[in-house]
């Protein structure tokens, strides 16, 4: 009787392990497009961070570039300013959400947060 129950439990465990493996593979296949998108987003973020760093290091060059763009293409400069301002407002509104998410993820992973 006990042996039959142990065999049944072992069979159930085998089925559950196989199902869990199949689920992991399914999720991995679903995440492939997100992985590519996150890589591209990270690359864009790194470029933007570098541009901001360079603008802080060389503010006169950044101002001269902005003035030259506005002088050459005023409509395009205005459009870029509007887009930049919208992006900045969106960034500022999503920053607290991102920080809460990052703090929660760091707490669940047991690792210290990566300093930004």
N, C-alpha and C. Protein backbone atom coordinates (compact mmCIF):
# COMPACT_ATOMS: atom_id res chain seq x y z
N UNK A 1 0.83 -1.19 0.00
CA UNK A 1 0.00 0.00 0.00
C UNK A 1 0.88 1.26 0.00
N UNK A 2 1.84 1.33 0.92
CA UNK A 2 2.73 2.48 1.00
C UNK A 2 3.60 2.58 -0.24
N UNK A 3 4.05 1.44 -0.72
CA UNK A 3 4.89 1.42 -1.93
C UNK A 3 4.12 1.93 -3.14
N UNK A 4 2.85 1.55 -3.26
CA UNK A 4 2.02 2.01 -4.37
C UNK A 4 1.83 3.53 -4.31
N UNK A 5 1.65 4.04 -3.11
CA UNK A 5 1.49 5.48 -2.96
C UNK A 5 2.78 6.22 -3.31
N UNK A 6 3.91 5.69 -2.90
CA UNK A 6 5.19 6.30 -3.24
C UNK A 6 5.44 6.28 -4.74
N UNK A 7 5.06 5.18 -5.39
CA UNK A 7 5.19 5.11 -6.86
C UNK A 7 4.29 6.14 -7.53
N UNK A 8 3.07 6.29 -7.04
CA UNK A 8 2.15 7.28 -7.61
C UNK A 8 2.70 8.69 -7.43
N UNK A 9 3.25 8.97 -6.25
CA UNK A 9 3.85 10.29 -6.00
C UNK A 9 5.05 10.53 -6.91
N UNK A 10 5.86 9.51 -7.11
CA UNK A 10 7.03 9.65 -7.99
C UNK A 10 6.59 9.92 -9.43
N UNK A 11 5.55 9.22 -9.89
CA UNK A 11 5.03 9.45 -11.25
C UNK A 11 4.47 10.86 -11.38
N UNK A 12 3.74 11.29 -10.34
CA UNK A 12 3.17 12.65 -10.38
C UNK A 12 4.29 13.69 -10.40
N UNK A 13 5.31 13.47 -9.59
CA UNK A 13 6.44 14.39 -9.57
C UNK A 13 7.11 14.45 -10.94
N UNK A 14 7.29 13.31 -11.58
CA UNK A 14 7.90 13.27 -12.91
C UNK A 14 7.07 14.07 -13.90
N UNK A 15 5.74 13.90 -13.85
CA UNK A 15 4.86 14.66 -14.75
C UNK A 15 4.95 16.16 -14.48
N UNK A 16 4.97 16.53 -13.20
CA UNK A 16 5.05 17.95 -12.84
C UNK A 16 6.38 18.57 -13.26
N UNK A 17 7.46 17.83 -13.10
CA UNK A 17 8.77 18.34 -13.52
C UNK A 17 8.79 18.54 -15.03
N UNK A 18 8.24 17.59 -15.77
CA UNK A 18 8.19 17.72 -17.24
C UNK A 18 7.32 18.91 -17.64
N UNK A 19 6.20 19.08 -16.94
CA UNK A 19 5.31 20.21 -17.26
C UNK A 19 6.00 21.53 -16.95
N UNK A 20 6.71 21.60 -15.83
CA UNK A 20 7.42 22.83 -15.47
C UNK A 20 8.49 23.16 -16.51
N UNK A 21 9.18 22.14 -16.99
CA UNK A 21 10.20 22.36 -18.02
C UNK A 21 9.56 22.88 -19.31
N UNK A 22 8.42 22.29 -19.68
CA UNK A 22 7.71 22.74 -20.88
C UNK A 22 7.24 24.19 -20.71
N UNK A 23 6.76 24.53 -19.53
CA UNK A 23 6.33 25.91 -19.27
C UNK A 23 7.51 26.88 -19.33
N UNK A 24 8.66 26.48 -18.77
CA UNK A 24 9.85 27.35 -18.85
C UNK A 24 10.26 27.58 -20.30
N UNK A 25 10.23 26.53 -21.11
CA UNK A 25 10.60 26.68 -22.53
C UNK A 25 9.60 27.56 -23.26
N UNK A 26 8.32 27.42 -22.93
CA UNK A 26 7.29 28.26 -23.56
C UNK A 26 7.49 29.73 -23.21
N UNK A 27 7.75 30.01 -21.94
CA UNK A 27 7.98 31.39 -21.52
C UNK A 27 9.25 31.94 -22.17
N UNK A 28 10.28 31.12 -22.28
CA UNK A 28 11.52 31.57 -22.92
C UNK A 28 11.27 31.94 -24.38
N UNK A 29 10.45 31.16 -25.07
CA UNK A 29 10.13 31.48 -26.47
C UNK A 29 9.34 32.78 -26.56
N UNK A 30 8.45 33.02 -25.59
CA UNK A 30 7.67 34.26 -25.59
C UNK A 30 8.53 35.48 -25.29
N UNK A 31 9.59 35.30 -24.54
CA UNK A 31 10.42 36.43 -24.13
C UNK A 31 11.50 36.81 -25.14
N UNK A 32 11.70 36.00 -26.17
CA UNK A 32 12.74 36.30 -27.15
C UNK A 32 12.52 37.68 -27.80
N UNK A 33 11.31 38.02 -28.28
CA UNK A 33 11.14 39.36 -28.86
C UNK A 33 11.36 40.47 -27.83
N UNK A 34 10.96 40.24 -26.59
CA UNK A 34 11.18 41.25 -25.56
C UNK A 34 12.65 41.44 -25.26
N UNK A 35 13.42 40.37 -25.38
CA UNK A 35 14.85 40.47 -25.14
C UNK A 35 15.50 41.37 -26.17
N UNK A 36 15.11 41.20 -27.43
CA UNK A 36 15.65 42.06 -28.49
C UNK A 36 15.23 43.51 -28.27
N UNK A 37 13.97 43.71 -27.90
CA UNK A 37 13.48 45.08 -27.67
C UNK A 37 14.19 45.71 -26.48
N UNK A 38 14.40 44.94 -25.43
CA UNK A 38 15.08 45.51 -24.27
C UNK A 38 16.55 45.82 -24.58
N UNK A 39 17.17 45.01 -25.43
CA UNK A 39 18.55 45.31 -25.84
C UNK A 39 18.61 46.63 -26.60
N UNK A 40 17.65 46.83 -27.50
CA UNK A 40 17.62 48.07 -28.26
C UNK A 40 17.32 49.25 -27.34
N UNK A 41 16.38 49.08 -26.42
CA UNK A 41 16.05 50.16 -25.48
C UNK A 41 17.27 50.50 -24.61
N UNK A 42 18.00 49.50 -24.19
CA UNK A 42 19.20 49.75 -23.39
C UNK A 42 20.26 50.49 -24.19
N UNK A 43 20.40 50.12 -25.46
CA UNK A 43 21.37 50.82 -26.31
C UNK A 43 20.97 52.29 -26.48
N UNK A 44 19.68 52.55 -26.71
CA UNK A 44 19.20 53.93 -26.85
C UNK A 44 19.42 54.69 -25.55
N UNK A 45 19.14 54.04 -24.44
CA UNK A 45 19.35 54.68 -23.13
C UNK A 45 20.82 55.03 -22.94
N UNK A 46 21.71 54.13 -23.29
CA UNK A 46 23.15 54.40 -23.13
C UNK A 46 23.61 55.55 -24.01
N UNK A 47 23.10 55.62 -25.23
CA UNK A 47 23.45 56.73 -26.13
C UNK A 47 22.93 58.04 -25.55
N UNK A 48 21.68 58.03 -25.09
CA UNK A 48 21.10 59.26 -24.52
C UNK A 48 21.88 59.69 -23.28
N UNK A 49 22.27 58.73 -22.46
CA UNK A 49 23.05 59.06 -21.27
C UNK A 49 24.40 59.66 -21.65
N UNK A 50 25.00 59.11 -22.69
CA UNK A 50 26.29 59.64 -23.14
C UNK A 50 26.14 61.06 -23.70
N UNK A 51 25.06 61.28 -24.44
CA UNK A 51 24.81 62.62 -24.99
C UNK A 51 24.61 63.63 -23.87
N UNK A 52 23.83 63.24 -22.86
CA UNK A 52 23.61 64.14 -21.73
C UNK A 52 24.93 64.40 -20.99
N UNK A 53 25.73 63.37 -20.83
CA UNK A 53 27.03 63.54 -20.17
C UNK A 53 27.91 64.51 -20.96
N UNK A 54 27.95 64.33 -22.28
CA UNK A 54 28.76 65.22 -23.11
C UNK A 54 28.23 66.65 -23.07
N UNK A 55 26.91 66.80 -23.04
CA UNK A 55 26.32 68.15 -22.98
C UNK A 55 26.68 68.82 -21.66
N UNK A 56 26.74 68.03 -20.58
CA UNK A 56 27.14 68.60 -19.29
C UNK A 56 28.62 68.95 -19.26
N UNK A 57 29.43 68.13 -19.92
CA UNK A 57 30.86 68.39 -19.97
C UNK A 57 31.20 69.59 -20.86
N UNK A 58 30.46 69.75 -21.94
CA UNK A 58 30.72 70.82 -22.92
C UNK A 58 29.43 71.59 -23.20
N UNK A 59 28.96 72.40 -22.26
CA UNK A 59 27.67 73.09 -22.45
C UNK A 59 27.68 74.09 -23.60
N UNK A 60 28.81 74.74 -23.84
CA UNK A 60 28.84 75.70 -24.94
C UNK A 60 28.65 75.01 -26.28
N UNK A 61 29.23 73.85 -26.44
CA UNK A 61 29.05 73.09 -27.68
C UNK A 61 27.59 72.67 -27.84
N UNK A 62 26.97 72.25 -26.77
CA UNK A 62 25.56 71.84 -26.83
C UNK A 62 24.68 73.02 -27.18
N UNK A 63 24.93 74.18 -26.58
CA UNK A 63 24.13 75.37 -26.88
C UNK A 63 24.36 75.81 -28.31
N UNK A 64 25.62 75.80 -28.77
CA UNK A 64 25.92 76.19 -30.15
C UNK A 64 25.24 75.25 -31.14
N UNK A 65 25.22 73.97 -30.83
CA UNK A 65 24.54 73.01 -31.72
C UNK A 65 23.05 73.28 -31.78
N UNK A 66 22.46 73.56 -30.63
CA UNK A 66 21.03 73.87 -30.60
C UNK A 66 20.70 75.15 -31.36
N UNK A 67 21.54 76.16 -31.21
CA UNK A 67 21.32 77.42 -31.93
C UNK A 67 21.48 77.20 -33.43
N UNK A 68 22.49 76.45 -33.82
CA UNK A 68 22.70 76.18 -35.25
C UNK A 68 21.51 75.41 -35.83
N UNK A 69 21.01 74.43 -35.11
CA UNK A 69 19.84 73.68 -35.58
C UNK A 69 18.64 74.60 -35.72
N UNK A 70 18.43 75.47 -34.74
CA UNK A 70 17.29 76.39 -34.79
C UNK A 70 17.44 77.39 -35.93
N UNK A 71 18.67 77.81 -36.22
CA UNK A 71 18.88 78.78 -37.31
C UNK A 71 18.68 78.12 -38.67
N UNK A 72 19.12 76.88 -38.81
CA UNK A 72 19.03 76.21 -40.10
C UNK A 72 17.60 75.72 -40.38
N UNK A 73 17.00 75.07 -39.41
CA UNK A 73 15.67 74.49 -39.56
C UNK A 73 14.79 74.86 -38.36
N UNK A 74 14.22 76.05 -38.36
CA UNK A 74 13.46 76.46 -37.17
C UNK A 74 12.24 75.57 -36.88
N UNK A 75 11.51 75.17 -37.92
CA UNK A 75 10.34 74.31 -37.68
C UNK A 75 10.75 72.96 -37.11
N UNK A 76 11.81 72.40 -37.66
CA UNK A 76 12.28 71.11 -37.16
C UNK A 76 12.78 71.26 -35.73
N UNK A 77 13.46 72.38 -35.44
CA UNK A 77 13.95 72.60 -34.08
C UNK A 77 12.78 72.70 -33.10
N UNK A 78 11.75 73.41 -33.48
CA UNK A 78 10.57 73.52 -32.61
C UNK A 78 9.93 72.15 -32.41
N UNK A 79 9.83 71.36 -33.48
CA UNK A 79 9.25 70.02 -33.37
C UNK A 79 10.08 69.16 -32.43
N UNK A 80 11.41 69.24 -32.53
CA UNK A 80 12.27 68.45 -31.65
C UNK A 80 12.16 68.92 -30.20
N UNK A 81 12.03 70.22 -30.01
CA UNK A 81 11.86 70.75 -28.65
C UNK A 81 10.56 70.24 -28.04
N UNK A 82 9.49 70.25 -28.83
CA UNK A 82 8.20 69.76 -28.34
C UNK A 82 8.29 68.27 -28.01
N UNK A 83 8.91 67.49 -28.89
CA UNK A 83 9.07 66.06 -28.63
C UNK A 83 9.93 65.82 -27.39
N UNK A 84 11.02 66.56 -27.28
CA UNK A 84 11.89 66.42 -26.12
C UNK A 84 11.19 66.77 -24.83
N UNK A 85 10.41 67.84 -24.85
CA UNK A 85 9.68 68.24 -23.65
C UNK A 85 8.65 67.18 -23.27
N UNK A 86 7.95 66.63 -24.25
CA UNK A 86 6.98 65.56 -23.98
C UNK A 86 7.67 64.34 -23.40
N UNK A 87 8.81 63.98 -23.98
CA UNK A 87 9.56 62.83 -23.48
C UNK A 87 10.03 63.09 -22.05
N UNK A 88 10.49 64.28 -21.77
CA UNK A 88 10.96 64.63 -20.43
C UNK A 88 9.82 64.54 -19.42
N UNK A 89 8.65 65.06 -19.78
CA UNK A 89 7.50 64.99 -18.87
C UNK A 89 7.08 63.54 -18.62
N UNK A 90 7.11 62.73 -19.68
CA UNK A 90 6.77 61.32 -19.51
C UNK A 90 7.80 60.64 -18.60
N UNK A 91 9.06 60.93 -18.81
CA UNK A 91 10.13 60.37 -17.98
C UNK A 91 9.94 60.75 -16.52
N UNK A 92 9.66 62.02 -16.27
CA UNK A 92 9.48 62.48 -14.89
C UNK A 92 8.26 61.84 -14.24
N UNK A 93 7.20 61.61 -15.01
CA UNK A 93 6.01 61.00 -14.42
C UNK A 93 6.20 59.50 -14.17
N UNK A 94 7.02 58.83 -14.98
CA UNK A 94 7.24 57.40 -14.82
C UNK A 94 8.39 57.06 -13.89
N UNK A 95 9.21 58.04 -13.54
CA UNK A 95 10.37 57.79 -12.68
C UNK A 95 10.00 57.18 -11.33
N UNK A 96 8.99 57.69 -10.62
CA UNK A 96 8.65 57.06 -9.33
C UNK A 96 8.18 55.61 -9.50
N UNK A 97 7.44 55.34 -10.56
CA UNK A 97 6.98 53.97 -10.82
C UNK A 97 8.19 53.07 -11.06
N UNK A 98 9.12 53.53 -11.86
CA UNK A 98 10.32 52.74 -12.16
C UNK A 98 11.14 52.49 -10.89
N UNK A 99 11.27 53.51 -10.05
CA UNK A 99 12.04 53.35 -8.82
C UNK A 99 11.39 52.35 -7.87
N UNK A 100 10.04 52.37 -7.77
CA UNK A 100 9.35 51.40 -6.94
C UNK A 100 9.55 49.99 -7.48
N UNK A 101 9.46 49.86 -8.82
CA UNK A 101 9.65 48.56 -9.46
C UNK A 101 11.06 48.05 -9.21
N UNK A 102 12.05 48.91 -9.37
CA UNK A 102 13.44 48.51 -9.17
C UNK A 102 13.70 48.13 -7.71
N UNK A 103 13.12 48.87 -6.79
CA UNK A 103 13.30 48.55 -5.37
C UNK A 103 12.65 47.21 -5.04
N UNK A 104 11.47 46.95 -5.59
CA UNK A 104 10.80 45.67 -5.35
C UNK A 104 11.56 44.52 -5.98
N UNK A 105 12.10 44.73 -7.16
CA UNK A 105 12.86 43.67 -7.83
C UNK A 105 14.15 43.38 -7.06
N UNK A 106 14.79 44.41 -6.55
CA UNK A 106 16.02 44.21 -5.78
C UNK A 106 15.72 43.48 -4.48
N UNK A 107 14.58 43.79 -3.87
CA UNK A 107 14.22 43.15 -2.61
C UNK A 107 13.92 41.67 -2.81
N UNK A 108 13.27 41.32 -3.91
CA UNK A 108 12.93 39.92 -4.15
C UNK A 108 14.11 39.11 -4.64
N UNK A 109 15.07 39.75 -5.29
CA UNK A 109 16.21 39.00 -5.81
C UNK A 109 17.29 38.79 -4.75
N UNK A 110 17.25 39.57 -3.69
CA UNK A 110 18.25 39.44 -2.64
C UNK A 110 19.56 40.12 -2.98
N UNK A 111 19.61 40.80 -4.12
CA UNK A 111 20.82 41.51 -4.52
C UNK A 111 20.65 42.99 -4.24
N UNK A 112 21.73 43.71 -4.02
CA UNK A 112 21.63 45.16 -3.84
C UNK A 112 21.26 45.82 -5.16
N UNK A 113 20.57 46.94 -5.07
CA UNK A 113 20.17 47.67 -6.27
C UNK A 113 21.38 48.20 -7.00
N UNK A 114 21.28 48.21 -8.33
CA UNK A 114 22.33 48.77 -9.16
C UNK A 114 22.23 50.28 -9.09
N UNK A 115 23.29 50.98 -8.72
CA UNK A 115 23.20 52.45 -8.63
C UNK A 115 23.07 53.05 -10.02
N UNK A 116 22.16 54.00 -10.14
CA UNK A 116 21.93 54.65 -11.45
C UNK A 116 22.66 55.95 -11.52
